[in-house]
């Protein structure tokens, strides 16, 4: 319904773009979650129990921390080198998609991509949940 006196001519408007709002964390900067929450426990598991203070854990903890830091740095460098490149993602159910990689969120839970080519069509901009990705490849 148009307000009274409104022009009934059709306006040439740009195509609307849907916006996805991600949930915010409990802290003011929205950068983390309660370490006791089920989500944090599921996503941030450690292989060595940090609450136990046995002699074995005290020896293994620095080794695990170093290994994790090397793996994290390597993964972040990989994400950095993927920026603005065509990336092929293998998803669950053996679905293969291709897109131009844009960025990842701080928790590496989502990838922002452009020109996402899927079996049912092309999406100009999209977020891919990392938990849906089995592997990805790109040409360096």
N, C-alpha and C. Protein backbone atom coordinates (compact mmCIF):
# COMPACT_ATOMS: atom_id res chain seq x y z
N UNK A 1 0.85 -1.17 0.00
CA UNK A 1 0.00 0.00 0.00
C UNK A 1 0.90 1.24 0.00
N UNK A 2 0.60 2.16 -0.90
CA UNK A 2 1.37 3.39 -1.02
C UNK A 2 0.75 4.50 -0.20
N UNK A 3 1.58 5.33 0.40
CA UNK A 3 1.02 6.49 1.13
C UNK A 3 0.30 7.42 0.17
N UNK A 4 -0.62 8.17 0.70
CA UNK A 4 -1.37 9.08 -0.16
C UNK A 4 -0.44 10.11 -0.79
N UNK A 5 -0.62 10.35 -2.06
CA UNK A 5 0.21 11.30 -2.77
C UNK A 5 1.52 10.72 -3.26
N UNK A 6 1.75 9.42 -3.08
CA UNK A 6 3.00 8.80 -3.50
C UNK A 6 2.98 8.55 -5.00
N UNK A 7 4.11 8.65 -5.61
CA UNK A 7 4.24 8.41 -7.03
C UNK A 7 4.12 6.91 -7.28
N UNK A 8 3.27 6.50 -8.22
CA UNK A 8 3.04 5.08 -8.49
C UNK A 8 4.00 4.53 -9.53
N UNK A 9 4.91 5.36 -10.04
CA UNK A 9 5.90 4.86 -11.01
C UNK A 9 6.85 3.89 -10.30
N UNK A 10 7.34 2.93 -11.07
CA UNK A 10 8.29 1.96 -10.50
C UNK A 10 9.68 2.59 -10.47
N UNK A 11 10.35 2.42 -9.36
CA UNK A 11 11.71 2.91 -9.23
C UNK A 11 12.67 1.82 -9.63
N UNK A 12 13.77 2.22 -10.23
CA UNK A 12 14.80 1.27 -10.62
C UNK A 12 15.76 1.14 -9.45
N UNK A 13 15.56 0.11 -8.62
CA UNK A 13 16.36 -0.06 -7.42
C UNK A 13 17.41 -1.15 -7.64
N UNK A 14 18.49 -1.04 -6.92
CA UNK A 14 19.54 -2.06 -6.96
C UNK A 14 19.03 -3.35 -6.34
N UNK A 15 19.63 -4.45 -6.73
CA UNK A 15 19.24 -5.74 -6.19
C UNK A 15 19.54 -5.79 -4.70
N UNK A 16 18.56 -6.18 -3.88
CA UNK A 16 18.82 -6.22 -2.43
C UNK A 16 19.82 -7.33 -2.10
N UNK A 17 20.60 -7.08 -1.07
CA UNK A 17 21.60 -8.03 -0.61
C UNK A 17 21.23 -8.44 0.81
N UNK A 18 21.14 -9.75 1.03
CA UNK A 18 20.82 -10.20 2.38
C UNK A 18 22.05 -10.06 3.27
N UNK A 19 21.81 -9.78 4.55
CA UNK A 19 22.89 -9.59 5.51
C UNK A 19 22.76 -10.67 6.57
N UNK A 20 23.84 -11.35 6.85
CA UNK A 20 23.86 -12.37 7.87
C UNK A 20 24.55 -11.80 9.10
N UNK A 21 23.84 -11.78 10.20
CA UNK A 21 24.41 -11.28 11.45
C UNK A 21 24.84 -12.48 12.29
N UNK A 22 26.13 -12.55 12.61
CA UNK A 22 26.64 -13.63 13.42
C UNK A 22 26.44 -13.32 14.89
N UNK A 23 26.24 -14.35 15.72
CA UNK A 23 26.02 -14.08 17.15
C UNK A 23 27.26 -13.50 17.80
N UNK A 24 27.03 -12.65 18.78
CA UNK A 24 28.14 -12.03 19.50
C UNK A 24 28.49 -12.87 20.72
N UNK A 25 29.75 -12.81 21.08
CA UNK A 25 30.21 -13.50 22.28
C UNK A 25 29.81 -12.74 23.52
N UNK A 26 30.03 -13.30 24.70
CA UNK A 26 29.58 -12.65 25.93
C UNK A 26 30.43 -11.46 26.36
N UNK A 27 31.67 -11.36 25.88
CA UNK A 27 32.51 -10.24 26.32
C UNK A 27 32.22 -9.01 25.46
N UNK A 28 32.55 -7.82 25.93
CA UNK A 28 32.20 -6.58 25.21
C UNK A 28 32.82 -6.49 23.81
N UNK A 29 33.98 -7.09 23.61
CA UNK A 29 34.63 -7.01 22.29
C UNK A 29 34.19 -8.13 21.37
N UNK A 30 33.36 -9.05 21.85
CA UNK A 30 32.85 -10.16 21.07
C UNK A 30 33.97 -10.99 20.49
N UNK A 31 34.98 -11.30 21.31
CA UNK A 31 36.12 -12.05 20.82
C UNK A 31 36.27 -13.41 21.49
N UNK A 32 35.38 -13.77 22.37
CA UNK A 32 35.57 -15.03 23.04
C UNK A 32 34.30 -15.52 23.68
N UNK A 33 34.35 -16.74 24.16
CA UNK A 33 33.21 -17.34 24.81
C UNK A 33 33.65 -17.91 26.14
N UNK A 34 32.70 -18.18 26.99
CA UNK A 34 32.97 -18.73 28.31
C UNK A 34 33.70 -20.07 28.16
N UNK A 35 34.88 -20.23 28.76
CA UNK A 35 35.63 -21.48 28.62
C UNK A 35 34.90 -22.70 29.17
N UNK A 36 33.87 -22.48 29.97
CA UNK A 36 33.11 -23.60 30.50
C UNK A 36 31.87 -23.92 29.67
N UNK A 37 31.62 -23.13 28.61
CA UNK A 37 30.43 -23.36 27.80
C UNK A 37 30.63 -24.59 26.91
N UNK A 38 29.55 -25.29 26.58
CA UNK A 38 29.66 -26.46 25.70
C UNK A 38 30.28 -26.12 24.34
N UNK A 39 30.00 -24.91 23.82
CA UNK A 39 30.55 -24.51 22.53
C UNK A 39 32.07 -24.40 22.59
N UNK A 40 32.57 -23.74 23.63
CA UNK A 40 34.01 -23.57 23.79
C UNK A 40 34.68 -24.93 23.97
N UNK A 41 34.10 -25.77 24.79
CA UNK A 41 34.67 -27.10 25.04
C UNK A 41 34.70 -27.92 23.76
N UNK A 42 33.65 -27.84 22.95
CA UNK A 42 33.59 -28.61 21.70
C UNK A 42 34.60 -28.10 20.68
N UNK A 43 34.81 -26.78 20.61
CA UNK A 43 35.67 -26.21 19.57
C UNK A 43 37.13 -26.08 20.00
N UNK A 44 37.40 -26.02 21.27
CA UNK A 44 38.75 -25.72 21.75
C UNK A 44 39.30 -26.81 22.66
N UNK A 45 39.06 -28.03 22.31
CA UNK A 45 39.56 -29.15 23.10
C UNK A 45 41.07 -29.20 23.10
N UNK A 46 41.66 -29.62 24.20
CA UNK A 46 43.10 -29.86 24.26
C UNK A 46 43.32 -31.33 24.49
N UNK A 47 44.44 -31.85 24.03
CA UNK A 47 44.71 -33.27 24.20
C UNK A 47 45.32 -33.56 25.56
N UNK A 48 45.84 -32.54 26.22
CA UNK A 48 46.40 -32.71 27.56
C UNK A 48 45.50 -31.97 28.53
N UNK A 49 45.05 -32.67 29.56
CA UNK A 49 44.18 -32.03 30.55
C UNK A 49 44.98 -30.97 31.29
N UNK A 50 44.50 -29.73 31.25
CA UNK A 50 45.24 -28.64 31.90
C UNK A 50 44.99 -28.59 33.40
N UNK A 51 43.91 -29.20 33.86
CA UNK A 51 43.61 -29.15 35.30
C UNK A 51 44.47 -30.13 36.09
N UNK A 52 44.91 -31.21 35.45
CA UNK A 52 45.74 -32.20 36.15
C UNK A 52 47.17 -31.69 36.19
N UNK A 53 47.82 -31.90 37.32
CA UNK A 53 49.20 -31.41 37.44
C UNK A 53 50.15 -32.58 37.68
N UNK A 54 50.13 -33.53 36.76
CA UNK A 54 51.04 -34.66 36.90
C UNK A 54 52.38 -34.33 36.27
N UNK A 55 53.38 -35.13 36.57
CA UNK A 55 54.74 -34.91 36.04
C UNK A 55 54.76 -35.05 34.52
N UNK A 56 53.99 -36.00 33.98
CA UNK A 56 53.95 -36.23 32.53
C UNK A 56 53.41 -35.00 31.81
N UNK A 57 52.31 -34.42 32.31
CA UNK A 57 51.72 -33.25 31.67
C UNK A 57 52.68 -32.07 31.71
N UNK A 58 53.41 -31.91 32.80
CA UNK A 58 54.35 -30.79 32.90
C UNK A 58 55.44 -30.90 31.85
N UNK A 59 55.81 -32.11 31.47
CA UNK A 59 56.83 -32.29 30.45
C UNK A 59 56.26 -32.17 29.05
N UNK A 60 55.03 -32.64 28.87
CA UNK A 60 54.45 -32.65 27.53
C UNK A 60 53.81 -31.32 27.14
N UNK A 61 53.40 -30.55 28.10
CA UNK A 61 52.69 -29.30 27.80
C UNK A 61 53.50 -28.35 26.92
N UNK A 62 54.77 -28.06 27.19
CA UNK A 62 55.54 -27.17 26.30
C UNK A 62 55.69 -27.74 24.89
N UNK A 63 55.81 -29.05 24.78
CA UNK A 63 55.94 -29.68 23.46
C UNK A 63 54.65 -29.50 22.67
N UNK A 64 53.52 -29.75 23.34
CA UNK A 64 52.23 -29.58 22.65
C UNK A 64 52.00 -28.12 22.29
N UNK A 65 52.32 -27.20 23.18
CA UNK A 65 52.13 -25.78 22.90
C UNK A 65 52.96 -25.35 21.70
N UNK A 66 54.20 -25.82 21.62
CA UNK A 66 55.05 -25.47 20.49
C UNK A 66 54.48 -26.04 19.19
N UNK A 67 54.05 -27.30 19.22
CA UNK A 67 53.47 -27.93 18.03
C UNK A 67 52.22 -27.18 17.58
N UNK A 68 51.37 -26.80 18.54
CA UNK A 68 50.16 -26.05 18.20
C UNK A 68 50.49 -24.69 17.60
N UNK A 69 51.48 -24.01 18.14
CA UNK A 69 51.83 -22.69 17.63
C UNK A 69 52.39 -22.78 16.20
N UNK A 70 53.18 -23.82 15.93
CA UNK A 70 53.71 -24.01 14.57
C UNK A 70 52.58 -24.30 13.60
N UNK A 71 51.66 -25.19 13.99
CA UNK A 71 50.53 -25.51 13.12
C UNK A 71 49.63 -24.30 12.89
N UNK A 72 49.38 -23.54 13.94
CA UNK A 72 48.53 -22.34 13.82
C UNK A 72 49.17 -21.31 12.89
N UNK A 73 50.47 -21.07 13.06
CA UNK A 73 51.16 -20.12 12.19
C UNK A 73 51.13 -20.57 10.74
N UNK A 74 51.36 -21.86 10.50
CA UNK A 74 51.33 -22.39 9.14
C UNK A 74 49.94 -22.22 8.53
N UNK A 75 48.90 -22.52 9.30
CA UNK A 75 47.53 -22.38 8.81
C UNK A 75 47.19 -20.93 8.50
N UNK A 76 47.59 -20.01 9.39
CA UNK A 76 47.31 -18.59 9.14
C UNK A 76 48.06 -18.07 7.91
N UNK A 77 49.29 -18.53 7.71
CA UNK A 77 50.02 -18.15 6.50
C UNK A 77 49.34 -18.70 5.26
N UNK A 78 48.78 -19.90 5.36
CA UNK A 78 48.02 -20.49 4.26
C UNK A 78 46.80 -19.64 3.93
N UNK A 79 46.04 -19.23 4.97
CA UNK A 79 44.88 -18.37 4.75
C UNK A 79 45.28 -17.05 4.10
N UNK A 80 46.39 -16.49 4.55
CA UNK A 80 46.87 -15.22 3.99
C UNK A 80 47.22 -15.38 2.51
N UNK A 81 47.86 -16.49 2.16
CA UNK A 81 48.25 -16.68 0.76
C UNK A 81 47.07 -17.03 -0.13
N UNK A 82 45.93 -17.44 0.44
CA UNK A 82 44.73 -17.76 -0.35
C UNK A 82 43.95 -16.52 -0.75
N UNK A 83 44.19 -15.40 -0.11
CA UNK A 83 43.39 -14.20 -0.34
C UNK A 83 43.37 -13.82 -1.81
N UNK A 84 42.16 -13.59 -2.33
CA UNK A 84 41.90 -13.19 -3.72
C UNK A 84 42.32 -14.25 -4.73
N UNK A 85 42.35 -15.51 -4.33
CA UNK A 85 42.65 -16.60 -5.26
C UNK A 85 41.46 -17.54 -5.35
N UNK A 86 41.36 -18.23 -6.50
CA UNK A 86 40.33 -19.25 -6.68
C UNK A 86 40.67 -20.44 -5.79
N UNK A 87 39.72 -20.85 -4.98
CA UNK A 87 39.92 -21.97 -4.05
C UNK A 87 38.82 -23.00 -4.31
N UNK A 88 39.22 -24.27 -4.33
CA UNK A 88 38.27 -25.36 -4.48
C UNK A 88 38.05 -25.98 -3.10
N UNK A 89 36.78 -26.06 -2.69
CA UNK A 89 36.43 -26.62 -1.39
C UNK A 89 35.74 -27.96 -1.59
N UNK A 90 36.15 -28.97 -0.85
CA UNK A 90 35.45 -30.24 -0.80
C UNK A 90 34.62 -30.23 0.48
N UNK A 91 33.31 -30.31 0.30
CA UNK A 91 32.39 -30.22 1.42
C UNK A 91 31.86 -31.62 1.76
N UNK A 92 31.08 -31.71 2.81
CA UNK A 92 30.43 -32.97 3.16
C UNK A 92 29.53 -33.41 2.01
N UNK A 93 29.21 -34.69 1.97
CA UNK A 93 28.41 -35.29 0.90
C UNK A 93 29.12 -35.20 -0.46
N UNK A 94 30.45 -35.05 -0.43
CA UNK A 94 31.28 -34.99 -1.64
C UNK A 94 30.90 -33.85 -2.59
N UNK A 95 30.37 -32.78 -2.05
CA UNK A 95 30.03 -31.61 -2.85
C UNK A 95 31.30 -30.79 -3.06
N UNK A 96 31.56 -30.42 -4.30
CA UNK A 96 32.72 -29.59 -4.63
C UNK A 96 32.23 -28.22 -5.07
N UNK A 97 32.79 -27.19 -4.46
CA UNK A 97 32.46 -25.81 -4.82
C UNK A 97 33.75 -25.05 -5.06
N UNK A 98 33.64 -23.96 -5.82
CA UNK A 98 34.81 -23.13 -6.09
C UNK A 98 34.43 -21.68 -5.85
N UNK A 99 35.35 -20.92 -5.30
CA UNK A 99 35.08 -19.51 -5.00
C UNK A 99 36.38 -18.74 -4.90
N UNK A 100 36.27 -17.43 -4.94
CA UNK A 100 37.41 -16.55 -4.68
C UNK A 100 37.45 -16.27 -3.19
N UNK A 101 38.54 -16.67 -2.54
CA UNK A 101 38.65 -16.53 -1.09
C UNK A 101 38.83 -15.06 -0.72
N UNK A 102 38.10 -14.64 0.30
CA UNK A 102 38.21 -13.26 0.77
C UNK A 102 38.88 -13.16 2.12
N UNK A 103 38.26 -13.78 3.13
CA UNK A 103 38.78 -13.65 4.49
C UNK A 103 38.19 -14.74 5.37
N UNK A 104 38.71 -14.79 6.59
CA UNK A 104 38.19 -15.69 7.62
C UNK A 104 37.89 -14.85 8.84
N UNK A 105 36.92 -15.28 9.64
CA UNK A 105 36.68 -14.55 10.88
C UNK A 105 37.76 -14.91 11.90
N UNK A 106 37.79 -14.18 12.99
CA UNK A 106 38.89 -14.32 13.95
C UNK A 106 38.96 -15.71 14.57
N UNK A 107 37.82 -16.39 14.70
CA UNK A 107 37.80 -17.72 15.29
C UNK A 107 37.98 -18.82 14.25
N UNK A 108 38.12 -18.45 12.99
CA UNK A 108 38.21 -19.37 11.85
C UNK A 108 37.01 -20.32 11.88
N UNK A 109 35.83 -19.76 12.04
CA UNK A 109 34.59 -20.53 11.99
C UNK A 109 33.89 -20.35 10.65
N UNK A 110 34.20 -19.26 9.93
CA UNK A 110 33.57 -18.97 8.65
C UNK A 110 34.60 -18.41 7.67
N UNK A 111 34.41 -18.75 6.39
CA UNK A 111 35.20 -18.16 5.31
C UNK A 111 34.29 -17.24 4.52
N UNK A 112 34.75 -16.03 4.24
CA UNK A 112 34.01 -15.13 3.35
C UNK A 112 34.56 -15.35 1.95
N UNK A 113 33.67 -15.64 1.00
CA UNK A 113 34.09 -15.91 -0.38
C UNK A 113 33.24 -15.10 -1.35
N UNK A 114 33.75 -14.94 -2.57
CA UNK A 114 33.03 -14.27 -3.65
C UNK A 114 32.89 -15.23 -4.82
N UNK A 115 31.88 -15.01 -5.64
CA UNK A 115 31.64 -15.82 -6.84
C UNK A 115 31.68 -17.32 -6.52
N UNK A 116 30.85 -17.71 -5.59
CA UNK A 116 30.78 -19.11 -5.16
C UNK A 116 30.03 -19.93 -6.20
N UNK A 117 30.74 -20.84 -6.85
CA UNK A 117 30.15 -21.72 -7.86
C UNK A 117 29.76 -23.03 -7.19
N UNK A 118 28.45 -23.30 -7.11
CA UNK A 118 27.93 -24.51 -6.50
C UNK A 118 27.23 -25.35 -7.57
N UNK A 119 26.88 -26.59 -7.26
CA UNK A 119 26.16 -27.40 -8.24
C UNK A 119 24.82 -26.80 -8.67
N UNK A 120 24.22 -25.93 -7.86
CA UNK A 120 22.91 -25.37 -8.23
C UNK A 120 22.99 -23.92 -8.71
N UNK A 121 24.18 -23.34 -8.78
CA UNK A 121 24.28 -21.99 -9.28
C UNK A 121 25.45 -21.22 -8.69
N UNK A 122 25.44 -19.91 -8.96
CA UNK A 122 26.53 -19.04 -8.51
C UNK A 122 25.97 -18.03 -7.52
N UNK A 123 26.67 -17.87 -6.41
CA UNK A 123 26.32 -16.87 -5.40
C UNK A 123 27.39 -15.80 -5.40
N UNK A 124 27.02 -14.54 -5.54
CA UNK A 124 27.99 -13.46 -5.65
C UNK A 124 28.87 -13.34 -4.40
N UNK A 125 28.27 -13.34 -3.22
CA UNK A 125 28.99 -13.27 -1.95
C UNK A 125 28.41 -14.32 -1.02
N UNK A 126 29.27 -14.94 -0.22
CA UNK A 126 28.76 -15.99 0.68
C UNK A 126 29.70 -16.19 1.86
N UNK A 127 29.16 -16.81 2.90
CA UNK A 127 29.95 -17.29 4.04
C UNK A 127 29.89 -18.81 4.01
N UNK A 128 31.05 -19.44 4.13
CA UNK A 128 31.11 -20.90 4.20
C UNK A 128 31.50 -21.26 5.63
N UNK A 129 30.69 -22.11 6.25
CA UNK A 129 31.04 -22.56 7.61
C UNK A 129 32.21 -23.52 7.51
N UNK A 130 33.24 -23.26 8.28
CA UNK A 130 34.45 -24.10 8.23
C UNK A 130 34.16 -25.54 8.63
N UNK A 131 33.19 -25.75 9.50
CA UNK A 131 32.89 -27.11 9.93
C UNK A 131 32.27 -27.93 8.81
N UNK A 132 31.81 -27.28 7.73
CA UNK A 132 31.27 -27.99 6.58
C UNK A 132 32.34 -28.35 5.55
N UNK A 133 33.54 -27.81 5.73
CA UNK A 133 34.63 -28.02 4.77
C UNK A 133 35.48 -29.20 5.22
N UNK A 134 35.69 -30.15 4.29
CA UNK A 134 36.57 -31.27 4.57
C UNK A 134 38.00 -30.91 4.19
N UNK A 135 38.16 -30.30 3.01
CA UNK A 135 39.50 -29.86 2.57
C UNK A 135 39.33 -28.74 1.57
N UNK A 136 40.43 -28.03 1.31
CA UNK A 136 40.44 -27.00 0.27
C UNK A 136 41.79 -27.02 -0.42
N UNK A 137 41.77 -26.62 -1.69
CA UNK A 137 43.00 -26.55 -2.48
C UNK A 137 42.99 -25.24 -3.28
N UNK A 138 44.20 -24.78 -3.58
CA UNK A 138 44.34 -23.58 -4.42
C UNK A 138 45.72 -23.60 -5.05
N UNK A 139 45.85 -22.88 -6.15
CA UNK A 139 47.15 -22.77 -6.83
C UNK A 139 47.89 -21.57 -6.28
N UNK A 140 49.12 -21.81 -5.86
CA UNK A 140 49.91 -20.70 -5.30
C UNK A 140 50.72 -20.09 -6.39
